[in-house]
Amino acid sequence: MMRMMLAFFALVTLAAVPGNAEAQYYKGKTITMIVNYPAGGPSDLEARIVAQHLPAHVPGKPTIVVKNVGGAGGLIGSNQLGEAEPNGDTIGFFTLSIPNQILGNPAMHTPYSDFVMIAGVECPLVVYMRKDTPPGIKTTRSIRRLSSICSASNTTRCQPIGG
């Protein structure tokens, strides 16, 4: 499934507001960033990183508060964004459930076509392992030497090096 992050939804209003007025609009305000998955997952972590740096790039430097609205495979959060007042105080940072849109899931109250994608974050796939994991795994190359890990990966491309 293609993973896209929908971000900065309501900030489009900045384009319609001239120069100094946009700084005044967001000055002292709080923007709620809805993440449609529970706290601690990759969508949440990415959203918190963006929320930490976003105020420096929005005139008026508003406070960004991350609100996790998990459930129903992300539909509850995306529905909540669709039901929010279109005043620029609520934005979404979430993974779209394309099958729900295509299949016409009745639980989906707001189709994705009603949202405007302003920016996206490429899905980073990262795997970590302790350096002291036996038998001396220090690099990705050394992990490929282990036939047990290669066979568990269920892929023909993972062949033990030198074997």
C-alpha atoms as a PDB file:
ATOM      1  CA  MET A   1       0.000   0.000   0.000  1.00  0.00           C
ATOM      2  CA  MET A   2       1.316   3.410  -0.929  1.00  0.00           C
ATOM      3  CA  ARG A   3       1.998   5.452   2.167  1.00  0.00           C
ATOM      4  CA  MET A   4       1.528   9.189   2.038  1.00  0.00           C
ATOM      5  CA  MET A   5       1.552  11.715   4.795  1.00  0.00           C
ATOM      6  CA  LEU A   6      -1.052  14.411   4.578  1.00  0.00           C
ATOM      7  CA  ALA A   7       0.360  17.482   6.260  1.00  0.00           C
ATOM      8  CA  PHE A   8      -0.255  21.141   6.798  1.00  0.00           C
ATOM      9  CA  PHE A   9      -3.883  20.974   5.602  1.00  0.00           C
ATOM     10  CA  ALA A  10      -5.349  24.191   6.871  1.00  0.00           C
ATOM     11  CA  LEU A  11      -2.207  26.265   6.425  1.00  0.00           C
ATOM     12  CA  VAL A  12      -3.271  26.912   2.845  1.00  0.00           C
ATOM     13  CA  THR A  13      -5.091  29.877   4.231  1.00  0.00           C
ATOM     14  CA  LEU A  14      -1.691  31.549   4.499  1.00  0.00           C
ATOM     15  CA  ALA A  15      -1.628  31.919   0.725  1.00  0.00           C
ATOM     16  CA  ALA A  16      -4.812  33.965   0.808  1.00  0.00           C
ATOM     17  CA  VAL A  17      -3.705  36.341   3.577  1.00  0.00           C
ATOM     18  CA  PRO A  18      -1.287  39.158   2.682  1.00  0.00           C
ATOM     19  CA  GLY A  19       2.150  39.571   4.388  1.00  0.00           C
ATOM     20  CA  ASN A  20       1.876  40.972   7.909  1.00  0.00           C
ATOM     21  CA  ALA A  21      -1.742  39.857   8.356  1.00  0.00           C
ATOM     22  CA  GLU A  22      -0.736  36.178   8.252  1.00  0.00           C
ATOM     23  CA  ALA A  23       1.775  36.713  11.060  1.00  0.00           C
ATOM     24  CA  GLN A  24      -0.944  38.380  13.122  1.00  0.00           C
ATOM     25  CA  TYR A  25      -3.398  35.561  12.416  1.00  0.00           C
ATOM     26  CA  TYR A  26      -1.199  32.815  13.889  1.00  0.00           C
ATOM     27  CA  LYS A  27       0.530  34.875  16.585  1.00  0.00           C
ATOM     28  CA  GLY A  28      -0.326  33.371  19.970  1.00  0.00           C
ATOM     29  CA  LYS A  29      -2.484  30.634  18.415  1.00  0.00           C
ATOM     30  CA  THR A  30      -2.315  26.886  18.831  1.00  0.00           C
ATOM     31  CA  ILE A  31      -2.603  24.616  15.818  1.00  0.00           C
ATOM     32  CA  THR A  32      -3.756  21.063  16.464  1.00  0.00           C
ATOM     33  CA  MET A  33      -1.982  18.479  14.321  1.00  0.00           C
ATOM     34  CA  ILE A  34      -4.110  15.336  14.073  1.00  0.00           C
ATOM     35  CA  VAL A  35      -2.178  12.083  13.670  1.00  0.00           C
ATOM     36  CA  ASN A  36      -4.520   9.236  12.758  1.00  0.00           C
ATOM     37  CA  TYR A  37      -2.561   6.543  14.596  1.00  0.00           C
ATOM     38  CA  PRO A  38      -1.751   5.999  18.292  1.00  0.00           C
ATOM     39  CA  ALA A  39       1.220   7.626  20.000  1.00  0.00           C
ATOM     40  CA  GLY A  40       4.587   5.950  19.623  1.00  0.00           C
ATOM     41  CA  GLY A  41       4.264   4.673  16.058  1.00  0.00           C
ATOM     42  CA  PRO A  42       6.111   5.954  12.993  1.00  0.00           C
ATOM     43  CA  SER A  43       3.375   8.417  11.956  1.00  0.00           C
ATOM     44  CA  ASP A  44       3.362   9.885  15.454  1.00  0.00           C
ATOM     45  CA  LEU A  45       7.148  10.159  15.636  1.00  0.00           C
ATOM     46  CA  GLU A  46       7.384  11.850  12.242  1.00  0.00           C
ATOM     47  CA  ALA A  47       4.568  14.247  13.158  1.00  0.00           C
ATOM     48  CA  ARG A  48       6.284  15.223  16.409  1.00  0.00           C
ATOM     49  CA  ILE A  49       9.496  16.008  14.560  1.00  0.00           C
ATOM     50  CA  VAL A  50       7.595  18.181  12.075  1.00  0.00           C
ATOM     51  CA  ALA A  51       5.587  19.810  14.900  1.00  0.00           C
ATOM     52  CA  GLN A  52       8.821  20.724  16.663  1.00  0.00           C
ATOM     53  CA  HIS A  53      10.171  22.623  13.649  1.00  0.00           C
ATOM     54  CA  LEU A  54       7.006  23.854  11.914  1.00  0.00           C
ATOM     55  CA  PRO A  55       6.422  26.994  14.031  1.00  0.00           C
ATOM     56  CA  ALA A  56       9.656  28.535  12.736  1.00  0.00           C
ATOM     57  CA  HIS A  57       8.221  28.338   9.199  1.00  0.00           C
ATOM     58  CA  VAL A  58       4.733  29.696   9.881  1.00  0.00           C
ATOM     59  CA  PRO A  59       4.349  33.465  10.253  1.00  0.00           C
ATOM     60  CA  GLY A  60       3.356  34.273  13.819  1.00  0.00           C
ATOM     61  CA  LYS A  61       5.125  31.138  15.132  1.00  0.00           C
ATOM     62  CA  PRO A  62       2.054  29.319  16.484  1.00  0.00           C
ATOM     63  CA  THR A  63       2.283  26.489  18.990  1.00  0.00           C
ATOM     64  CA  ILE A  64       1.738  23.061  17.392  1.00  0.00           C
ATOM     65  CA  VAL A  65       0.060  20.397  19.531  1.00  0.00           C
ATOM     66  CA  VAL A  66       0.051  16.799  18.307  1.00  0.00           C
ATOM     67  CA  LYS A  67      -3.236  14.989  18.912  1.00  0.00           C
ATOM     68  CA  ASN A  68      -3.227  11.237  18.307  1.00  0.00           C
ATOM     69  CA  VAL A  69      -6.626   9.993  17.114  1.00  0.00           C
ATOM     70  CA  GLY A  70      -6.082   6.315  16.366  1.00  0.00           C
ATOM     71  CA  GLY A  71      -8.629   3.709  15.439  1.00  0.00           C
ATOM     72  CA  ALA A  72     -10.336   2.062  12.488  1.00  0.00           C
ATOM     73  CA  GLY A  73      -7.129   1.929  10.483  1.00  0.00           C
ATOM     74  CA  GLY A  74      -6.740   5.705  10.585  1.00  0.00           C
ATOM     75  CA  LEU A  75     -10.315   6.578   9.602  1.00  0.00           C
ATOM     76  CA  ILE A  76     -11.264   8.125  12.932  1.00  0.00           C
ATOM     77  CA  GLY A  77      -8.425  10.650  12.707  1.00  0.00           C
ATOM     78  CA  SER A  78      -9.011  11.524   9.064  1.00  0.00           C
ATOM     79  CA  ASN A  79     -12.751  11.892   9.765  1.00  0.00           C
ATOM     80  CA  GLN A  80     -11.960  14.207  12.651  1.00  0.00           C
ATOM     81  CA  LEU A  81      -9.848  16.401  10.372  1.00  0.00           C
ATOM     82  CA  GLY A  82     -12.677  16.467   7.836  1.00  0.00           C
ATOM     83  CA  GLU A  83     -15.124  17.557  10.541  1.00  0.00           C
ATOM     84  CA  ALA A  84     -12.843  20.290  11.948  1.00  0.00           C
ATOM     85  CA  GLU A  85     -13.656  23.954  11.404  1.00  0.00           C
ATOM     86  CA  PRO A  86     -11.932  25.187   8.225  1.00  0.00           C
ATOM     87  CA  ASN A  87     -10.249  28.038  10.086  1.00  0.00           C
ATOM     88  CA  GLY A  88      -6.584  27.031   9.886  1.00  0.00           C
ATOM     89  CA  ASP A  89      -6.390  25.811  13.486  1.00  0.00           C
ATOM     90  CA  THR A  90      -6.384  22.080  12.660  1.00  0.00           C
ATOM     91  CA  ILE A  91      -4.065  20.239  10.308  1.00  0.00           C
ATOM     92  CA  GLY A  92      -3.489  16.575   9.579  1.00  0.00           C
ATOM     93  CA  PHE A  93      -0.333  14.517   9.437  1.00  0.00           C
ATOM     94  CA  PHE A  94      -1.326  11.010   8.602  1.00  0.00           C
ATOM     95  CA  THR A  95      -1.282   7.936   6.469  1.00  0.00           C
ATOM     96  CA  LEU A  96      -4.090   7.653   3.955  1.00  0.00           C
ATOM     97  CA  SER A  97      -6.090   4.437   3.713  1.00  0.00           C
ATOM     98  CA  ILE A  98      -6.456   4.223  -0.047  1.00  0.00           C
ATOM     99  CA  PRO A  99      -8.474   0.935   0.028  1.00  0.00           C
ATOM    100  CA  ASN A 100     -11.141   2.615   2.179  1.00  0.00           C
ATOM    101  CA  GLN A 101     -11.452   5.382  -0.393  1.00  0.00           C
ATOM    102  CA  ILE A 102     -11.535   3.019  -3.391  1.00  0.00           C
ATOM    103  CA  LEU A 103     -13.999   0.585  -1.814  1.00  0.00           C
ATOM    104  CA  GLY A 104     -16.263   3.373  -0.585  1.00  0.00           C
ATOM    105  CA  ASN A 105     -16.093   2.451   3.094  1.00  0.00           C
ATOM    106  CA  PRO A 106     -19.214   3.986   4.700  1.00  0.00           C
ATOM    107  CA  ALA A 107     -17.184   4.747   7.848  1.00  0.00           C
ATOM    108  CA  MET A 108     -15.188   7.267   5.803  1.00  0.00           C
ATOM    109  CA  HIS A 109     -17.052  10.543   6.296  1.00  0.00           C
ATOM    110  CA  THR A 110     -14.634  12.773   4.403  1.00  0.00           C
ATOM    111  CA  PRO A 111     -13.147  11.608   1.104  1.00  0.00           C
ATOM    112  CA  TYR A 112      -9.464  12.372   0.630  1.00  0.00           C
ATOM    113  CA  SER A 113     -10.354  14.495  -2.380  1.00  0.00           C
ATOM    114  CA  ASP A 114     -11.771  17.031   0.107  1.00  0.00           C
ATOM    115  CA  PHE A 115      -8.290  17.530   1.576  1.00  0.00           C
ATOM    116  CA  VAL A 116      -5.450  19.515   0.063  1.00  0.00           C
ATOM    117  CA  MET A 117      -1.992  17.988   0.395  1.00  0.00           C
ATOM    118  CA  ILE A 118       0.459  20.776   1.051  1.00  0.00           C
ATOM    119  CA  ALA A 119       3.560  18.726   1.827  1.00  0.00           C
ATOM    120  CA  GLY A 120       4.564  15.157   2.453  1.00  0.00           C
ATOM    121  CA  VAL A 121       7.213  13.173   4.258  1.00  0.00           C
ATOM    122  CA  GLU A 122       8.770  10.210   2.486  1.00  0.00           C
ATOM    123  CA  CYS A 123       8.227   7.035   4.464  1.00  0.00           C
ATOM    124  CA  PRO A 124      11.551   6.269   6.133  1.00  0.00           C
ATOM    125  CA  LEU A 125      12.070   2.580   6.734  1.00  0.00           C
ATOM    126  CA  VAL A 126      14.676   2.149   9.438  1.00  0.00           C
ATOM    127  CA  VAL A 127      15.724  -0.952  11.336  1.00  0.00           C
ATOM    128  CA  TYR A 128      18.001  -0.842  14.373  1.00  0.00           C
ATOM    129  CA  MET A 129      19.963  -3.526  16.173  1.00  0.00           C
ATOM    130  CA  ARG A 130      22.352  -3.387  19.112  1.00  0.00           C
ATOM    131  CA  LYS A 131      26.005  -3.463  18.076  1.00  0.00           C
ATOM    132  CA  ASP A 132      26.803  -6.075  20.724  1.00  0.00           C
ATOM    133  CA  THR A 133      24.291  -8.583  19.299  1.00  0.00           C
ATOM    134  CA  PRO A 134      26.057 -11.951  18.928  1.00  0.00           C
ATOM    135  CA  PRO A 135      27.925 -13.023  16.867  1.00  0.00           C
ATOM    136  CA  GLY A 136      29.441  -9.565  16.358  1.00  0.00           C
ATOM    137  CA  ILE A 137      26.946  -7.831  14.095  1.00  0.00           C
ATOM    138  CA  LYS A 138      28.286  -4.345  13.427  1.00  0.00           C
ATOM    139  CA  THR A 139      27.114  -3.515   9.881  1.00  0.00           C
ATOM    140  CA  THR A 140      24.378  -4.481   7.446  1.00  0.00           C
ATOM    141  CA  ARG A 141      26.986  -6.449   5.524  1.00  0.00           C
ATOM    142  CA  SER A 142      27.746  -8.599   8.579  1.00  0.00           C
ATOM    143  CA  ILE A 143      24.056  -9.332   9.114  1.00  0.00           C
ATOM    144  CA  ARG A 144      23.840 -10.891   5.637  1.00  0.00           C
ATOM    145  CA  ARG A 145      26.487 -13.427   6.668  1.00  0.00           C
ATOM    146  CA  LEU A 146      24.033 -15.093   9.018  1.00  0.00           C
ATOM    147  CA  SER A 147      22.083 -17.789   7.203  1.00  0.00           C
ATOM    148  CA  SER A 148      19.445 -17.958   9.951  1.00  0.00           C
ATOM    149  CA  ILE A 149      18.539 -14.300   9.479  1.00  0.00           C
ATOM    150  CA  CYS A 150      18.610 -14.658   5.700  1.00  0.00           C
ATOM    151  CA  SER A 151      16.309 -17.667   5.737  1.00  0.00           C
ATOM    152  CA  ALA A 152      13.940 -15.905   8.149  1.00  0.00           C
ATOM    153  CA  SER A 153      13.712 -12.946   5.777  1.00  0.00           C
ATOM    154  CA  ASN A 154      11.915 -15.178   3.239  1.00  0.00           C
ATOM    155  CA  THR A 155      13.597 -13.641   0.219  1.00  0.00           C
ATOM    156  CA  THR A 156      15.805 -15.097  -2.481  1.00  0.00           C
ATOM    157  CA  ARG A 157      17.899 -11.927  -2.677  1.00  0.00           C
ATOM    158  CA  CYS A 158      19.326 -12.461   0.801  1.00  0.00           C
ATOM    159  CA  GLN A 159      22.146 -14.929   0.259  1.00  0.00           C
ATOM    160  CA  PRO A 160      24.900 -15.417   2.826  1.00  0.00           C
ATOM    161  CA  ILE A 161      28.071 -13.690   1.659  1.00  0.00           C
ATOM    162  CA  GLY A 162      30.793 -16.140   0.660  1.00  0.00           C
ATOM    163  CA  GLY A 163      28.439 -19.081   0.829  1.00  0.00           C
END
